[in-house]
N, C-alpha and C. Protein backbone atom coordinates (compact mmCIF):
# COMPACT_ATOMS: atom_id res chain seq x y z
N MET A 1 -117.08 -70.85 -182.57
CA MET A 1 -115.85 -71.65 -183.15
C MET A 1 -114.51 -71.33 -182.20
N VAL A 2 -114.15 -72.09 -181.85
CA VAL A 2 -113.05 -71.87 -180.65
C VAL A 2 -111.60 -71.40 -181.34
N LYS A 3 -111.04 -70.28 -181.07
CA LYS A 3 -109.83 -69.60 -181.72
C LYS A 3 -108.45 -70.30 -181.00
N LYS A 4 -107.65 -71.04 -181.48
CA LYS A 4 -106.61 -71.46 -180.96
C LYS A 4 -105.45 -70.63 -181.40
N ALA A 5 -104.61 -70.11 -180.83
CA ALA A 5 -103.18 -69.36 -180.97
C ALA A 5 -102.34 -69.82 -181.26
N TYR A 6 -101.70 -69.38 -182.44
CA TYR A 6 -100.37 -70.10 -182.97
C TYR A 6 -99.95 -68.82 -183.34
N PRO A 7 -98.90 -68.38 -182.35
CA PRO A 7 -98.23 -67.10 -182.46
C PRO A 7 -96.99 -67.28 -183.31
N THR A 8 -97.18 -66.51 -184.22
CA THR A 8 -95.76 -66.68 -185.16
C THR A 8 -95.68 -65.36 -186.03
N THR A 9 -94.57 -65.23 -186.54
CA THR A 9 -94.19 -64.20 -187.39
C THR A 9 -94.00 -64.43 -188.99
N LEU A 10 -94.85 -64.20 -189.94
CA LEU A 10 -94.68 -64.69 -191.09
C LEU A 10 -94.35 -63.49 -191.82
N VAL A 11 -93.30 -63.83 -192.82
CA VAL A 11 -92.58 -62.73 -193.86
C VAL A 11 -93.32 -63.08 -195.16
N VAL A 12 -93.42 -61.94 -195.85
CA VAL A 12 -93.70 -61.87 -197.22
C VAL A 12 -92.28 -61.73 -197.99
N ASP A 13 -92.10 -62.73 -198.86
CA ASP A 13 -91.17 -62.50 -199.77
C ASP A 13 -91.01 -61.60 -200.67
N ALA A 14 -89.94 -61.54 -201.65
CA ALA A 14 -89.90 -60.51 -202.79
C ALA A 14 -90.97 -60.85 -203.71
N GLN A 15 -91.59 -62.23 -204.04
CA GLN A 15 -92.58 -62.42 -204.80
C GLN A 15 -94.17 -62.63 -204.11
N GLY A 16 -94.04 -61.95 -202.89
CA GLY A 16 -95.32 -61.70 -202.30
C GLY A 16 -95.88 -62.91 -201.63
N ARG A 17 -94.96 -63.89 -201.48
CA ARG A 17 -95.52 -65.32 -201.05
C ARG A 17 -95.08 -65.15 -199.34
N VAL A 18 -96.03 -66.08 -198.87
CA VAL A 18 -95.99 -66.52 -197.35
C VAL A 18 -95.89 -67.94 -197.03
N LEU A 19 -95.06 -68.12 -195.88
CA LEU A 19 -95.01 -69.49 -195.95
C LEU A 19 -95.97 -69.81 -194.58
N LEU A 20 -96.70 -70.96 -194.80
CA LEU A 20 -97.42 -71.07 -193.38
C LEU A 20 -96.81 -72.41 -192.72
N PRO A 21 -96.26 -72.08 -191.35
CA PRO A 21 -95.65 -73.16 -190.66
C PRO A 21 -96.41 -74.51 -190.68
N SER A 22 -95.89 -75.33 -190.31
CA SER A 22 -96.74 -76.57 -190.16
C SER A 22 -97.52 -76.67 -189.19
N PRO A 23 -97.65 -76.18 -188.04
CA PRO A 23 -98.78 -76.24 -187.01
C PRO A 23 -99.91 -75.35 -187.43
N LEU A 24 -99.79 -74.32 -188.28
CA LEU A 24 -100.97 -73.71 -188.65
C LEU A 24 -101.62 -74.76 -189.83
N ARG A 25 -100.94 -75.26 -190.57
CA ARG A 25 -101.43 -76.03 -191.90
C ARG A 25 -102.07 -77.29 -191.10
N ARG A 26 -101.21 -77.66 -189.93
CA ARG A 26 -102.08 -78.75 -189.17
C ARG A 26 -103.49 -78.35 -188.88
N ALA A 27 -103.35 -77.35 -188.10
CA ALA A 27 -104.62 -76.87 -187.36
C ALA A 27 -105.85 -76.77 -188.55
N LEU A 28 -105.45 -76.43 -189.71
CA LEU A 28 -106.56 -76.24 -190.66
C LEU A 28 -106.71 -77.30 -191.87
N GLY A 29 -105.82 -78.47 -191.37
CA GLY A 29 -105.96 -79.69 -192.39
C GLY A 29 -105.69 -79.45 -193.65
N LEU A 30 -104.33 -78.74 -193.84
CA LEU A 30 -104.09 -78.42 -195.01
C LEU A 30 -102.96 -79.17 -195.56
N GLY A 31 -102.77 -79.62 -196.87
CA GLY A 31 -101.52 -80.37 -197.23
C GLY A 31 -101.36 -79.84 -198.78
N PRO A 32 -100.38 -80.46 -199.32
CA PRO A 32 -99.91 -79.72 -200.57
C PRO A 32 -101.07 -79.92 -201.79
N GLY A 33 -101.02 -78.47 -202.25
CA GLY A 33 -102.44 -78.44 -203.35
C GLY A 33 -103.50 -78.00 -202.52
N SER A 34 -103.79 -77.79 -201.21
CA SER A 34 -104.81 -77.29 -200.63
C SER A 34 -105.17 -75.86 -201.23
N ARG A 35 -106.28 -75.38 -201.15
CA ARG A 35 -106.67 -74.14 -201.90
C ARG A 35 -107.39 -73.30 -200.68
N LEU A 36 -106.96 -72.04 -200.53
CA LEU A 36 -107.58 -71.31 -199.73
C LEU A 36 -108.15 -69.99 -200.28
N VAL A 37 -109.14 -69.53 -199.51
CA VAL A 37 -109.73 -68.47 -199.93
C VAL A 37 -109.18 -67.28 -198.96
N ALA A 38 -108.92 -65.88 -199.43
CA ALA A 38 -108.18 -64.97 -198.83
C ALA A 38 -109.14 -63.88 -198.53
N LEU A 39 -109.30 -63.32 -197.82
CA LEU A 39 -110.13 -62.12 -197.73
C LEU A 39 -109.54 -60.88 -196.57
N VAL A 40 -109.95 -59.82 -196.44
CA VAL A 40 -109.66 -58.85 -195.69
C VAL A 40 -110.87 -58.47 -194.71
N GLU A 41 -110.87 -58.71 -193.56
CA GLU A 41 -111.76 -58.45 -192.73
C GLU A 41 -110.97 -57.56 -191.75
N GLU A 42 -111.83 -56.21 -191.61
CA GLU A 42 -111.55 -55.02 -190.47
C GLU A 42 -109.98 -55.05 -190.33
N GLY A 43 -109.35 -54.96 -191.51
CA GLY A 43 -107.89 -54.56 -191.58
C GLY A 43 -107.11 -56.03 -191.36
N ARG A 44 -107.82 -57.19 -191.17
CA ARG A 44 -106.87 -58.31 -191.04
C ARG A 44 -107.07 -59.27 -192.39
N LEU A 45 -106.20 -60.18 -192.36
CA LEU A 45 -105.99 -60.79 -193.66
C LEU A 45 -106.60 -62.14 -193.14
N VAL A 46 -107.47 -62.63 -193.54
CA VAL A 46 -108.25 -63.98 -193.15
C VAL A 46 -108.05 -64.94 -194.40
N LEU A 47 -107.53 -66.15 -193.95
CA LEU A 47 -107.28 -67.40 -194.85
C LEU A 47 -108.27 -68.45 -194.34
N GLU A 48 -109.02 -69.23 -195.21
CA GLU A 48 -110.21 -69.95 -194.82
C GLU A 48 -109.89 -71.14 -196.01
N PRO A 49 -109.82 -72.28 -195.67
CA PRO A 49 -109.77 -73.56 -196.66
C PRO A 49 -111.17 -73.51 -197.53
N TRP A 50 -110.77 -73.64 -198.83
CA TRP A 50 -111.78 -73.52 -199.86
C TRP A 50 -112.99 -74.48 -199.60
N GLU A 51 -112.79 -75.71 -199.09
CA GLU A 51 -113.77 -76.63 -198.77
C GLU A 51 -114.66 -76.07 -197.81
N ARG A 52 -114.21 -75.49 -196.84
CA ARG A 52 -115.11 -74.63 -195.81
C ARG A 52 -115.90 -73.60 -196.18
N VAL A 53 -115.61 -72.83 -196.92
CA VAL A 53 -116.16 -71.70 -197.83
C VAL A 53 -117.24 -72.42 -198.66
N GLU A 54 -116.68 -73.25 -199.60
CA GLU A 54 -117.84 -74.15 -200.35
C GLU A 54 -118.90 -74.69 -199.55
N GLU A 55 -118.46 -75.33 -198.60
CA GLU A 55 -119.61 -75.73 -197.71
C GLU A 55 -120.53 -74.90 -197.28
N GLU A 56 -120.10 -73.90 -196.60
CA GLU A 56 -121.04 -72.58 -196.22
C GLU A 56 -121.81 -72.12 -196.95
N LEU A 57 -121.34 -71.75 -198.45
CA LEU A 57 -122.22 -71.41 -199.38
C LEU A 57 -123.24 -72.34 -199.57
N TRP A 58 -123.13 -73.69 -199.75
CA TRP A 58 -124.07 -74.66 -200.11
C TRP A 58 -125.12 -74.80 -198.98
N ARG A 59 -124.62 -74.44 -197.86
CA ARG A 59 -125.91 -74.45 -196.94
C ARG A 59 -126.76 -72.94 -196.88
N GLU A 60 -126.10 -72.11 -197.20
CA GLU A 60 -126.91 -70.89 -197.54
C GLU A 60 -127.94 -71.16 -198.88
N LEU A 61 -127.55 -71.57 -200.17
CA LEU A 61 -128.22 -71.98 -201.04
C LEU A 61 -129.25 -73.11 -200.67
N ALA A 62 -129.11 -73.84 -199.78
CA ALA A 62 -130.20 -74.81 -199.54
C ALA A 62 -131.50 -74.21 -199.07
N ASP A 63 -131.31 -73.00 -198.43
CA ASP A 63 -132.39 -72.53 -197.93
C ASP A 63 -133.31 -71.73 -199.01
N ILE A 64 -132.86 -71.63 -200.22
CA ILE A 64 -133.42 -71.07 -201.47
C ILE A 64 -134.39 -72.12 -201.73
N GLU A 65 -135.91 -71.47 -201.99
CA GLU A 65 -136.73 -72.39 -202.50
C GLU A 65 -136.93 -71.97 -203.93
N GLY A 66 -137.17 -73.33 -204.72
CA GLY A 66 -137.49 -73.05 -206.14
C GLY A 66 -136.28 -73.24 -207.07
N SER A 67 -136.45 -72.62 -207.96
CA SER A 67 -135.37 -72.89 -209.08
C SER A 67 -135.03 -71.40 -209.71
N LEU A 68 -133.68 -71.01 -209.55
CA LEU A 68 -133.31 -69.73 -210.38
C LEU A 68 -133.66 -69.90 -211.87
N ALA A 69 -133.15 -71.28 -212.22
CA ALA A 69 -133.37 -71.45 -213.93
C ALA A 69 -134.68 -71.17 -214.39
N ASP A 70 -135.78 -71.92 -213.42
CA ASP A 70 -137.30 -71.76 -213.70
C ASP A 70 -137.80 -70.46 -213.54
N GLU A 71 -137.20 -69.42 -212.83
CA GLU A 71 -137.54 -68.24 -212.62
C GLU A 71 -137.02 -67.25 -213.92
N LEU A 72 -136.04 -67.72 -214.28
CA LEU A 72 -135.25 -66.84 -215.36
C LEU A 72 -136.10 -67.10 -216.50
N ILE A 73 -136.51 -68.28 -217.04
CA ILE A 73 -137.16 -69.03 -217.93
C ILE A 73 -138.40 -68.29 -217.88
N GLN A 74 -139.16 -68.24 -216.61
CA GLN A 74 -140.76 -67.59 -216.82
C GLN A 74 -140.60 -66.38 -217.07
N GLY A 75 -139.46 -65.58 -216.59
CA GLY A 75 -139.37 -64.11 -216.78
C GLY A 75 -139.32 -63.91 -218.25
N ARG A 76 -138.43 -64.82 -218.99
CA ARG A 76 -138.18 -64.46 -220.37
C ARG A 76 -139.48 -64.66 -221.16
N ARG A 77 -140.19 -65.84 -220.86
CA ARG A 77 -141.63 -66.17 -221.66
C ARG A 77 -142.31 -64.90 -221.34
N LEU A 78 -142.61 -64.45 -220.15
CA LEU A 78 -143.22 -63.27 -219.87
C LEU A 78 -142.97 -61.92 -220.76
N GLU A 79 -141.74 -61.63 -220.70
CA GLU A 79 -141.31 -60.77 -221.64
C GLU A 79 -141.57 -60.91 -223.14
N ALA A 80 -141.40 -62.20 -223.38
CA ALA A 80 -141.48 -62.54 -224.88
C ALA A 80 -143.03 -62.51 -225.35
N GLU A 81 -144.07 -62.64 -224.34
CA GLU A 81 -145.47 -62.36 -224.60
C GLU A 81 -145.49 -61.03 -224.64
N ARG A 82 -145.17 -60.22 -223.85
CA ARG A 82 -145.46 -58.75 -223.65
C ARG A 82 -145.08 -58.20 -224.81
N ASP A 83 -143.84 -58.54 -225.43
CA ASP A 83 -143.07 -58.04 -226.69
C ASP A 83 -143.52 -58.53 -227.95
N GLY A 84 -144.40 -59.54 -227.95
CA GLY A 84 -144.76 -60.09 -229.10
C GLY A 84 -145.95 -60.18 -229.30
């Protein structure tokens, strides 16, 4: 990922809000109602568009074989047989 610099100073207001200037919003493709995921990495505040985080999670889950639901059902059946 190529990082572009958009040097600007942001101010946290009395309610804890921060205004993202339009060059930052445009660079991320953000518009009114856009959702962001905020996290702290190595002492830095990182904001990522929700859709990007969601896509990344789905890619990671795509590599999982089988069904978690089927595994849970099978585990419950084994417990029931053992206990019954």
